Amino acid sequence: MKERVEEVLKQVRPTLQADGGDVELIGVTDDGVVKVQLTGACGSCPFSTMTLKHGIEMRLKDAIPEVKEVVSF
């Protein structure tokens, strides 16, 4: 599943990078929790929780039904 998550993150990255940020995959647990780290401008942005939950998590869940949650490290 990690490879599938990386593929979806590749699709999300250009939008984040356009705003001076990025996302790094830390890991994927057996129970479907994806651990990421928002970096650059995204790491300190007041809207980072919205980006994480309403952007990244939603895209991952749509593409990979096994994903249960996305958490930031």
Protein backbone atom coordinates (compact mmCIF):
# COMPACT_ATOMS: atom_id res chain seq x y z
CA MET A 1 0.00 0.00 0.00
CA LYS A 2 2.95 2.33 0.61
CA GLU A 3 3.69 2.52 -3.12
CA ARG A 4 0.06 3.40 -3.88
CA VAL A 5 0.13 6.15 -1.25
CA GLU A 6 3.33 7.58 -2.80
CA GLU A 7 1.63 7.69 -6.21
CA VAL A 8 -1.28 9.73 -4.83
CA LEU A 9 1.10 12.04 -2.97
CA LYS A 10 2.93 12.68 -6.25
CA GLN A 11 -0.35 14.03 -7.62
CA VAL A 12 -0.86 16.30 -4.59
CA ARG A 13 2.71 17.64 -4.41
CA PRO A 14 2.56 20.18 -7.26
CA THR A 15 -0.23 22.07 -5.51
CA LEU A 16 1.66 22.13 -2.23
CA GLN A 17 4.92 23.07 -3.92
CA ALA A 18 3.23 25.97 -5.71
CA ASP A 19 2.63 27.46 -2.25
CA GLY A 20 6.17 26.77 -1.04
CA GLY A 21 5.43 23.54 0.82
CA ASP A 22 5.60 19.80 0.39
CA VAL A 23 4.56 16.53 1.98
CA GLU A 24 6.84 13.69 3.02
CA LEU A 25 5.59 10.16 3.62
CA ILE A 26 6.78 8.86 6.98
CA GLY A 27 5.02 5.50 6.87
CA VAL A 28 1.85 3.47 6.54
CA THR A 29 0.60 1.25 9.35
CA ASP A 30 -1.03 -2.15 8.88
CA ASP A 31 -4.36 -0.72 10.03
CA GLY A 32 -4.47 1.96 7.30
CA VAL A 33 -3.04 5.01 9.05
CA VAL A 34 -0.82 7.12 6.79
CA LYS A 35 1.82 9.18 8.58
CA VAL A 36 3.10 12.25 6.77
CA GLN A 37 5.07 15.37 7.53
CA LEU A 38 4.14 18.68 5.96
CA THR A 39 7.29 20.65 5.18
CA GLY A 40 8.26 24.11 3.99
CA ALA A 41 5.48 26.69 4.11
CA CYS A 42 2.93 23.92 4.74
CA GLY A 43 4.63 22.94 7.99
CA SER A 44 3.93 26.29 9.62
CA CYS A 45 0.76 27.30 7.79
CA PRO A 46 -2.30 27.96 9.97
CA PHE A 47 -4.36 26.01 7.42
CA SER A 48 -2.13 22.91 7.54
CA THR A 49 -4.82 20.86 9.34
CA MET A 50 -7.30 21.66 6.57
CA THR A 51 -4.70 20.77 3.94
CA LEU A 52 -4.02 17.50 5.72
CA LYS A 53 -7.63 16.41 6.34
CA HIS A 54 -9.58 17.99 3.49
CA GLY A 55 -6.90 17.75 0.84
CA ILE A 56 -4.44 14.93 1.35
CA GLU A 57 -6.59 12.57 3.43
CA MET A 58 -9.61 12.93 1.16
CA ARG A 59 -7.55 12.24 -1.98
CA LEU A 60 -5.91 9.21 -0.40
CA LYS A 61 -9.20 7.75 0.85
CA ASP A 62 -10.80 8.21 -2.58
CA ALA A 63 -7.93 6.47 -4.35
CA ILE A 64 -7.14 3.85 -1.71
CA PRO A 65 -10.14 2.62 0.30
CA GLU A 66 -7.84 0.85 2.81
CA VAL A 67 -6.62 4.25 4.09
CA LYS A 68 -8.46 5.01 7.34
CA GLU A 69 -6.76 8.22 8.44
CA VAL A 70 -3.88 10.56 7.65
CA VAL A 71 -1.91 12.00 10.57
CA SER A 72 0.86 14.56 10.66
CA PHE A 73 4.17 13.85 12.38
